[in-house]
Protein backbone atom coordinates (compact mmCIF):
# COMPACT_ATOMS: atom_id res chain seq x y z
CA UNK A 1 95.65 127.37 116.26
CA UNK A 2 97.45 125.15 113.62
CA UNK A 3 98.42 121.71 114.78
CA UNK A 4 102.59 121.14 115.60
CA UNK A 5 102.41 118.63 112.26
CA UNK A 6 100.91 121.57 110.15
CA UNK A 7 102.62 121.25 106.94
CA UNK A 8 103.30 117.40 106.92
CA UNK A 9 101.49 115.60 103.96
CA UNK A 10 100.31 112.18 104.56
CA UNK A 11 99.40 109.95 102.02
CA UNK A 12 97.67 106.91 103.78
CA UNK A 13 97.10 103.59 102.00
CA UNK A 14 96.27 101.93 105.21
CA UNK A 15 93.44 99.81 105.51
CA UNK A 16 91.31 98.55 108.72
CA UNK A 17 92.90 99.42 111.75
CA UNK A 18 97.00 99.83 111.88
CA UNK A 19 97.38 101.58 109.27
CA UNK A 20 94.60 103.87 109.72
CA UNK A 21 94.96 104.50 112.89
CA UNK A 22 98.51 105.68 112.65
CA UNK A 23 97.41 108.13 109.96
CA UNK A 24 94.68 109.26 112.51
CA UNK A 25 97.29 110.25 114.98
CA UNK A 26 99.15 112.07 112.60
CA UNK A 27 96.54 114.15 111.66
CA UNK A 28 94.63 114.78 114.92
CA UNK A 29 98.13 116.62 115.32
CA UNK A 30 98.08 118.78 112.35
CA UNK A 31 99.07 116.80 109.21
CA UNK A 32 97.35 116.96 106.37
CA UNK A 33 96.09 113.19 105.50
CA UNK A 34 95.07 111.76 102.33
CA UNK A 35 93.62 108.44 102.14
CA UNK A 36 93.95 106.64 99.02
CA UNK A 37 90.68 104.65 98.59
CA UNK A 38 89.80 101.90 96.00
CA UNK A 39 86.98 103.29 93.56
CA UNK A 40 83.88 102.41 95.23
CA UNK A 41 85.24 101.99 98.94
CA UNK A 42 87.95 100.01 100.14
CA UNK A 43 86.54 97.18 102.42
CA UNK A 44 87.42 98.42 105.71
CA UNK A 45 85.23 101.38 105.20
CA UNK A 46 82.05 98.89 105.71
CA UNK A 47 82.78 96.73 108.37
CA UNK A 48 79.73 96.72 111.11
CA UNK A 49 77.73 99.34 108.51
CA UNK A 50 76.14 102.17 110.50
CA UNK A 51 75.56 105.10 108.22
CA UNK A 52 73.05 104.78 105.12
CA UNK A 53 76.21 104.36 102.73
CA UNK A 54 77.51 101.80 104.83
CA UNK A 55 80.10 103.26 106.59
CA UNK A 56 80.85 101.48 110.21
CA UNK A 57 82.15 102.74 113.29
CA UNK A 58 85.74 101.82 113.36
CA UNK A 59 85.99 103.80 110.02
CA UNK A 60 84.29 106.76 111.50
CA UNK A 61 86.76 106.66 114.57
CA UNK A 62 90.00 106.37 112.42
CA UNK A 63 89.32 108.52 109.61
CA UNK A 64 88.34 111.57 110.70
CA UNK A 65 90.53 114.68 110.02
CA UNK A 66 91.34 112.77 106.44
CA UNK A 67 90.49 113.74 102.88
CA UNK A 68 89.84 111.17 100.53
CA UNK A 69 90.72 109.92 96.93
CA UNK A 70 89.48 107.06 94.83
CA UNK A 71 92.22 106.04 93.02
CA UNK A 72 93.46 102.87 90.55
CA UNK A 73 96.98 103.15 90.96
CA UNK A 74 97.19 100.20 88.33
CA UNK A 75 96.08 102.07 85.38
CA UNK A 76 98.52 104.53 83.19
CA UNK A 77 96.51 107.37 84.72
CA UNK A 78 96.58 106.45 87.93
CA UNK A 79 99.96 105.71 88.45
CA UNK A 80 100.56 109.48 86.85
CA UNK A 81 98.28 111.16 90.00
CA UNK A 82 100.41 108.67 92.37
CA UNK A 83 103.78 110.37 91.18
CA UNK A 84 102.09 113.69 91.32
CA UNK A 85 100.93 112.92 94.91
CA UNK A 86 104.10 111.54 96.26
CA UNK A 87 106.12 114.28 94.89
CA UNK A 88 104.16 116.27 97.53
CA UNK A 89 104.29 114.02 100.33
CA UNK A 90 106.11 113.43 103.10
CA UNK A 91 104.92 110.06 104.38
CA UNK A 92 103.52 107.13 103.07
CA UNK A 93 101.21 104.53 104.99
CA UNK A 94 100.70 101.19 103.88
CA UNK A 95 99.69 98.16 105.91
CA UNK A 96 99.46 96.19 103.21
CA UNK A 97 101.40 92.85 101.82
CA UNK A 98 104.75 93.62 101.17
CA UNK A 99 104.14 91.90 97.66
CA UNK A 100 101.56 94.23 96.81
CA UNK A 101 103.45 97.36 97.40
CA UNK A 102 105.55 97.62 93.88
CA UNK A 103 102.61 96.34 92.14
CA UNK A 104 100.99 99.42 93.42
CA UNK A 105 104.11 101.81 92.88
CA UNK A 106 104.38 102.17 96.83
CA UNK A 107 107.55 100.11 97.40
CA UNK A 108 110.29 102.45 99.30
CA UNK A 109 112.19 101.91 95.96
CA UNK A 110 109.77 103.66 93.52
CA UNK A 111 108.40 106.14 96.25
CA UNK A 112 112.55 106.72 96.79
CA UNK A 113 112.73 107.40 93.10
CA UNK A 114 109.99 110.20 92.56
CA UNK A 115 110.83 111.75 96.21
CA UNK A 116 114.46 111.05 97.98
CA UNK A 117 113.57 112.24 101.01
CA UNK A 118 110.22 110.15 101.43
CA UNK A 119 109.32 108.16 104.57
CA UNK A 120 107.63 105.04 104.12
CA UNK A 121 105.51 103.60 106.80
CA UNK A 122 104.53 99.97 106.66
CA UNK A 123 102.58 97.64 108.75
CA UNK A 124 102.13 94.00 108.58
CA UNK A 125 101.52 90.71 110.45
CA UNK A 126 104.96 89.48 110.69
CA UNK A 127 107.26 91.73 108.76
CA UNK A 128 109.19 91.64 105.55
CA UNK A 129 111.70 89.07 106.72
CA UNK A 130 111.66 85.41 108.21
CA UNK A 131 110.05 82.04 107.37
CA UNK A 132 106.31 83.97 108.28
CA UNK A 133 107.02 86.94 105.84
CA UNK A 134 104.51 86.17 103.20
CA UNK A 135 101.69 85.00 105.35
CA UNK A 136 98.64 87.25 105.85
CA UNK A 137 97.13 88.06 108.94
CA UNK A 138 95.00 90.44 111.67
CA UNK A 139 95.23 91.27 114.95
CA UNK A 140 94.00 88.20 116.42
CA UNK A 141 96.75 86.01 114.79
CA UNK A 142 99.37 88.28 116.50
CA UNK A 143 97.25 87.67 119.84
CA UNK A 144 97.25 83.96 119.04
CA UNK A 145 100.97 83.61 118.16
CA UNK A 146 102.76 85.83 120.81
CA UNK A 147 101.51 83.97 123.93
CA UNK A 148 98.95 86.18 124.85
CA UNK A 149 95.97 83.99 124.40
CA UNK A 150 97.54 81.24 126.06
CA UNK A 151 97.43 82.97 129.54
CA UNK A 152 93.55 84.28 128.68
CA UNK A 153 90.78 82.05 129.75
CA UNK A 154 91.12 78.19 131.41
CA UNK A 155 93.71 75.81 130.55
CA UNK A 156 92.17 74.41 127.22
CA UNK A 157 89.74 77.03 126.44
CA UNK A 158 91.40 80.30 125.45
CA UNK A 159 90.13 83.60 124.62
CA UNK A 160 90.98 86.78 122.18
CA UNK A 161 90.41 89.63 123.35
CA UNK A 162 87.76 91.65 121.48
CA UNK A 163 89.75 95.18 121.66
CA UNK A 164 92.04 94.43 118.73
CA UNK A 165 95.36 95.99 120.64
CA UNK A 166 98.12 94.76 118.70
CA UNK A 167 96.49 96.28 115.79
CA UNK A 168 96.27 99.94 117.98
CA UNK A 169 99.62 99.36 119.28
CA UNK A 170 101.32 98.92 116.00
CA UNK A 171 99.78 101.98 115.03
CA UNK A 172 101.28 103.84 118.01
CA UNK A 173 104.70 102.16 116.96
CA UNK A 174 104.29 103.18 113.68
CA UNK A 175 103.18 106.78 114.48
CA UNK A 176 106.05 106.93 117.16
CA UNK A 177 108.56 105.57 114.50
CA UNK A 178 107.14 108.64 111.74
CA UNK A 179 107.75 111.10 114.55
CA UNK A 180 111.22 109.68 114.73
CA UNK A 181 111.76 109.66 110.63
CA UNK A 182 110.64 112.90 110.40
CA UNK A 183 113.25 114.18 113.21
CA UNK A 184 116.16 112.28 111.52
CA UNK A 185 114.96 113.95 108.37
CA UNK A 186 115.61 117.15 109.40
CA UNK A 187 118.60 116.74 111.13
CA UNK A 188 119.99 114.99 107.49
CA UNK A 189 117.47 115.47 104.88
CA UNK A 190 116.84 111.75 104.48
CA UNK A 191 114.29 109.59 104.16
CA UNK A 192 114.00 105.59 105.61
CA UNK A 193 111.33 103.04 105.97
CA UNK A 194 109.38 102.66 109.04
CA UNK A 195 108.00 99.14 110.00
CA UNK A 196 105.75 98.11 112.66
CA UNK A 197 104.21 94.45 112.99
CA UNK A 198 101.33 92.88 115.01
CA UNK A 199 103.77 90.04 115.87
CA UNK A 200 106.00 92.59 117.36
CA UNK A 201 103.83 94.77 119.07
CA UNK A 202 102.11 91.54 120.58
CA UNK A 203 105.76 89.98 121.94
CA UNK A 204 106.30 93.66 123.74
CA UNK A 205 103.39 93.13 125.65
CA UNK A 206 103.70 89.51 126.69
CA UNK A 207 107.55 89.83 127.01
CA UNK A 208 108.05 89.74 130.67
CA UNK A 209 106.37 86.39 130.68
CA UNK A 210 108.63 85.28 127.61
CA UNK A 211 111.61 86.33 129.83
CA UNK A 212 110.46 83.86 133.23
CA UNK A 213 109.73 81.26 130.45
CA UNK A 214 113.09 81.47 129.17
CA UNK A 215 114.98 81.87 132.77
CA UNK A 216 112.65 79.39 135.05
CA UNK A 217 110.54 77.44 132.52
CA UNK A 218 107.36 77.84 134.87
CA UNK A 219 105.14 76.73 132.10
CA UNK A 220 102.09 78.43 132.92
CA UNK A 221 98.78 77.92 132.14
CA UNK A 222 95.58 80.01 131.92
CA UNK A 223 93.39 80.86 135.27
CA UNK A 224 90.57 83.15 133.80
CA UNK A 225 90.80 86.33 135.95
CA UNK A 226 92.57 85.07 138.93
CA UNK A 227 96.03 86.50 139.07
CA UNK A 228 99.41 84.60 139.12
CA UNK A 229 101.61 86.90 140.27
CA UNK A 230 100.01 88.68 143.00
CA UNK A 231 96.99 88.71 144.95
CA UNK A 232 93.82 89.20 145.75
CA UNK A 233 94.30 89.75 141.88
CA UNK A 234 90.57 88.89 140.38
CA UNK A 235 86.88 89.64 138.95
CA UNK A 236 84.72 89.24 141.80
CA UNK A 237 80.63 89.28 141.90
CA UNK A 238 78.98 92.04 144.34
CA UNK A 239 75.09 92.07 144.89
CA UNK A 240 74.73 94.04 141.62
CA UNK A 241 77.40 93.74 139.11
CA UNK A 242 81.08 92.85 139.35
CA UNK A 243 83.99 94.38 140.68
CA UNK A 244 87.86 93.87 139.88
CA UNK A 245 90.62 94.44 142.10
CA UNK A 246 93.95 94.47 141.83
CA UNK A 247 96.28 94.24 144.49
CA UNK A 248 100.02 94.43 143.61
CA UNK A 249 102.63 95.05 146.50
CA UNK A 250 103.40 94.47 150.12
CA UNK A 251 101.94 97.80 150.86
CA UNK A 252 98.73 97.67 148.82
CA UNK A 253 98.11 94.28 150.80
CA UNK A 254 98.57 95.63 153.77
CA UNK A 255 95.57 98.38 153.28
CA UNK A 256 93.82 95.45 151.62
CA UNK A 257 93.66 93.41 155.20
CA UNK A 258 92.54 96.21 156.73
CA UNK A 259 89.34 96.09 154.91
CA UNK A 260 89.21 92.10 156.40
CA UNK A 261 88.08 90.45 159.65
CA UNK A 262 90.88 89.99 161.54
CA UNK A 263 93.33 92.02 159.54
CA UNK A 264 96.31 90.72 161.54
CA UNK A 265 95.85 87.46 160.28
CA UNK A 266 96.21 87.98 156.77
CA UNK A 267 99.15 90.16 157.06
CA UNK A 268 101.14 87.72 159.67
CA UNK A 269 100.50 84.91 157.59
CA UNK A 270 103.47 83.13 155.64
CA UNK A 271 101.45 81.85 152.45
CA UNK A 272 100.94 85.96 151.91
CA UNK A 273 104.27 87.18 152.93
CA UNK A 274 104.90 88.63 149.51
CA UNK A 275 103.65 88.74 145.72
CA UNK A 276 105.03 85.98 144.81
CA UNK A 277 103.53 83.76 147.34
CA UNK A 278 100.42 85.77 147.56
CA UNK A 279 100.22 84.49 143.55
CA UNK A 280 101.10 81.20 144.60
CA UNK A 281 98.29 81.37 146.77
CA UNK A 282 95.69 83.75 144.99
CA UNK A 283 92.77 80.92 145.30
CA UNK A 284 92.55 81.43 149.10
CA UNK A 285 92.45 85.35 148.87
CA UNK A 286 90.14 85.17 146.06
CA UNK A 287 87.79 83.32 148.22
CA UNK A 288 87.91 85.41 151.18
CA UNK A 289 87.45 88.40 148.97
CA UNK A 290 84.51 86.79 146.93
CA UNK A 291 82.75 86.28 150.01
CA UNK A 292 83.25 90.13 150.90
CA UNK A 293 82.56 91.87 147.32
CA UNK A 294 79.33 88.98 147.63
CA UNK A 295 77.89 90.93 150.40
CA UNK A 296 77.92 94.25 149.43
CA UNK A 297 76.55 96.41 146.27
CA UNK A 298 79.04 97.41 143.21
CA UNK A 299 79.29 100.62 144.88
CA UNK A 300 79.59 99.60 148.53
CA UNK A 301 82.52 97.84 146.94
CA UNK A 302 84.29 100.62 145.52
CA UNK A 303 83.85 102.79 148.00
CA UNK A 304 85.31 100.59 150.72
CA UNK A 305 88.35 99.81 148.64
CA UNK A 306 89.09 103.49 147.69
CA UNK A 307 88.98 104.41 151.67
CA UNK A 308 92.21 102.65 151.70
CA UNK A 309 93.63 103.35 148.24
CA UNK A 310 92.87 99.73 146.86
CA UNK A 311 92.40 99.88 143.35
CA UNK A 312 89.32 98.60 142.03
CA UNK A 313 86.65 99.14 139.13
CA UNK A 314 83.23 97.85 138.22
CA UNK A 315 82.61 96.41 135.11
CA UNK A 316 80.67 98.36 132.69
CA UNK A 317 78.54 97.68 129.40
CA UNK A 318 79.12 99.70 126.84
CA UNK A 319 76.23 102.06 127.72
CA UNK A 320 77.78 102.52 130.90
CA UNK A 321 81.08 103.53 129.57
CA UNK A 322 78.87 106.30 127.25
CA UNK A 323 77.37 107.51 130.61
CA UNK A 324 80.24 107.48 132.88
CA UNK A 325 80.69 110.82 134.58
CA UNK A 326 84.25 110.66 134.24
CA UNK A 327 84.09 109.72 130.81
CA UNK A 328 81.60 113.03 130.19
CA UNK A 329 83.32 115.57 132.52
CA UNK A 330 87.04 115.01 131.07
CA UNK A 331 85.18 115.25 127.24
CA UNK A 332 86.96 111.93 126.25
CA UNK A 333 84.03 111.61 123.39
CA UNK A 334 83.54 113.75 120.54
CA UNK A 335 80.08 113.61 119.26
CA UNK A 336 79.77 113.89 115.93
CA UNK A 337 77.53 113.64 112.96
CA UNK A 338 77.72 111.56 109.75
CA UNK A 339 75.40 111.74 106.61
CA UNK A 340 72.98 109.21 106.67
CA UNK A 341 73.73 108.65 110.16
CA UNK A 342 70.66 108.40 113.04
CA UNK A 343 72.61 110.39 115.68
CA UNK A 344 76.21 112.27 116.55
CA UNK A 345 78.60 109.22 116.87
CA UNK A 346 80.67 109.18 120.03
CA UNK A 347 84.40 109.64 118.32
CA UNK A 348 86.99 108.97 120.77
CA UNK A 349 89.66 112.11 120.75
CA UNK A 350 93.53 111.93 120.69
CA UNK A 351 94.68 109.27 122.52
CA UNK A 352 97.27 111.45 124.16
CA UNK A 353 97.14 115.35 125.64
CA UNK A 354 99.63 117.51 125.14
CA UNK A 355 99.41 121.08 126.94
CA UNK A 356 101.24 123.28 124.55
CA UNK A 357 100.27 121.41 121.15
CA UNK A 358 97.23 119.72 121.70
CA UNK A 359 95.49 117.51 119.25
CA UNK A 360 91.95 117.80 117.85
CA UNK A 361 89.35 116.34 115.70
CA UNK A 362 88.51 118.97 113.10
CA UNK A 363 86.34 117.33 110.43
CA UNK A 364 84.96 113.84 110.35
CA UNK A 365 85.77 110.69 108.52
CA UNK A 366 84.99 111.29 104.77
CA UNK A 367 82.62 109.93 102.24
CA UNK A 368 83.99 107.49 99.58
CA UNK A 369 86.01 109.75 97.29
CA UNK A 370 84.45 113.08 98.85
CA UNK A 371 87.46 114.90 98.23
CA UNK A 372 88.58 113.57 94.76
CA UNK A 373 88.01 116.46 92.31
CA UNK A 374 89.62 118.53 94.92
CA UNK A 375 92.66 117.08 95.67
CA UNK A 376 92.92 116.43 91.53
CA UNK A 377 92.53 120.06 90.83
CA UNK A 378 94.96 120.96 93.67
CA UNK A 379 97.54 118.45 91.08
CA UNK A 380 96.73 120.46 88.01
CA UNK A 381 93.82 119.12 86.43
CA UNK A 382 90.81 121.05 84.98
CA UNK A 383 87.19 119.73 85.13
CA UNK A 384 87.57 118.16 81.41
CA UNK A 385 90.93 116.14 82.52
CA UNK A 386 88.99 114.59 85.81
CA UNK A 387 86.10 114.09 84.17
CA UNK A 388 88.17 112.42 81.41
CA UNK A 389 90.13 110.05 84.14
CA UNK A 390 86.33 108.99 85.84
CA UNK A 391 85.61 108.15 82.50
CA UNK A 392 88.97 105.76 82.19
CA UNK A 393 88.38 105.05 85.68
CA UNK A 394 91.59 106.02 87.24
CA UNK A 395 90.17 107.50 89.78
């Protein structure tokens, strides 16, 4: 069955995560996505190399369902190839600095001159306006500047999340924006620019804390894993591992109290009358919960907490995630071969499931320029012309 986005062509100049993952999402649901690589391969391809040719796990994950062409758009011949590609393209993705786009011929005005209804999806750290517009940055910069890192770790010792959530969140926002832009184009025939930024994504996720700061100015400081707005909410050591427990709302708190000695004492204590007071006195709750967990194994903790429907989960290593029965029963991971890779790679499937129009992984991530000749032939270049383009360094 063809994907719901069949017939949509995407030209992906994305690098690292935000751009490529946006393109991947569209490709998972049937769009034809062409990754435009530097000759020899772009830098993001080779982060944490695993394959003999240097590709890393992140590249394998977020560049599946794409074809790959190497191109030097700065050359005269390369610019002509780009023009021909854009003529047949619906969406261009670029998470490159704004100043670079005109030099490559992929700014909106240049693209619109070739194809008036083109959609340009851009991702950057700070956006195209404001005093920071010319700054460069990665996911961690947005984590730091959005207020999130300030609340992770301990006062004076902050931590960045290992998972680049600003990158992935920005990609998802951009993909949503592309879908809205395509709908608008269906209705009006007009293209437009879709802009997503890492900073906007980070602040979207910290906005509730920013609202609180603006209204009541509590000047919160980080408290490790200890929750500040409800409780007990913390990471606890069991006999053989760690368990994260999150109790939010009076209903869940009363359920949790049933596991403790003298439940009525916990329920009737005015220090724990609501989420706010439980957050303020969370250290007392965590001390009691910590002692309770220390007497049990992880599995015993989880079974007891589940028996009263209190949310809890173990801290899993990477291998434990791969071995997890739920992960495997729900086929979250697709094991795929890649040239020069010793084992099949566990590639995460589409981030959202649809019953009538499901996404799927059709092809592995491409090698450098793997489909260059094929794509050029589709544009009308014969073998001799392709050889000449390679000789001139255009592809």
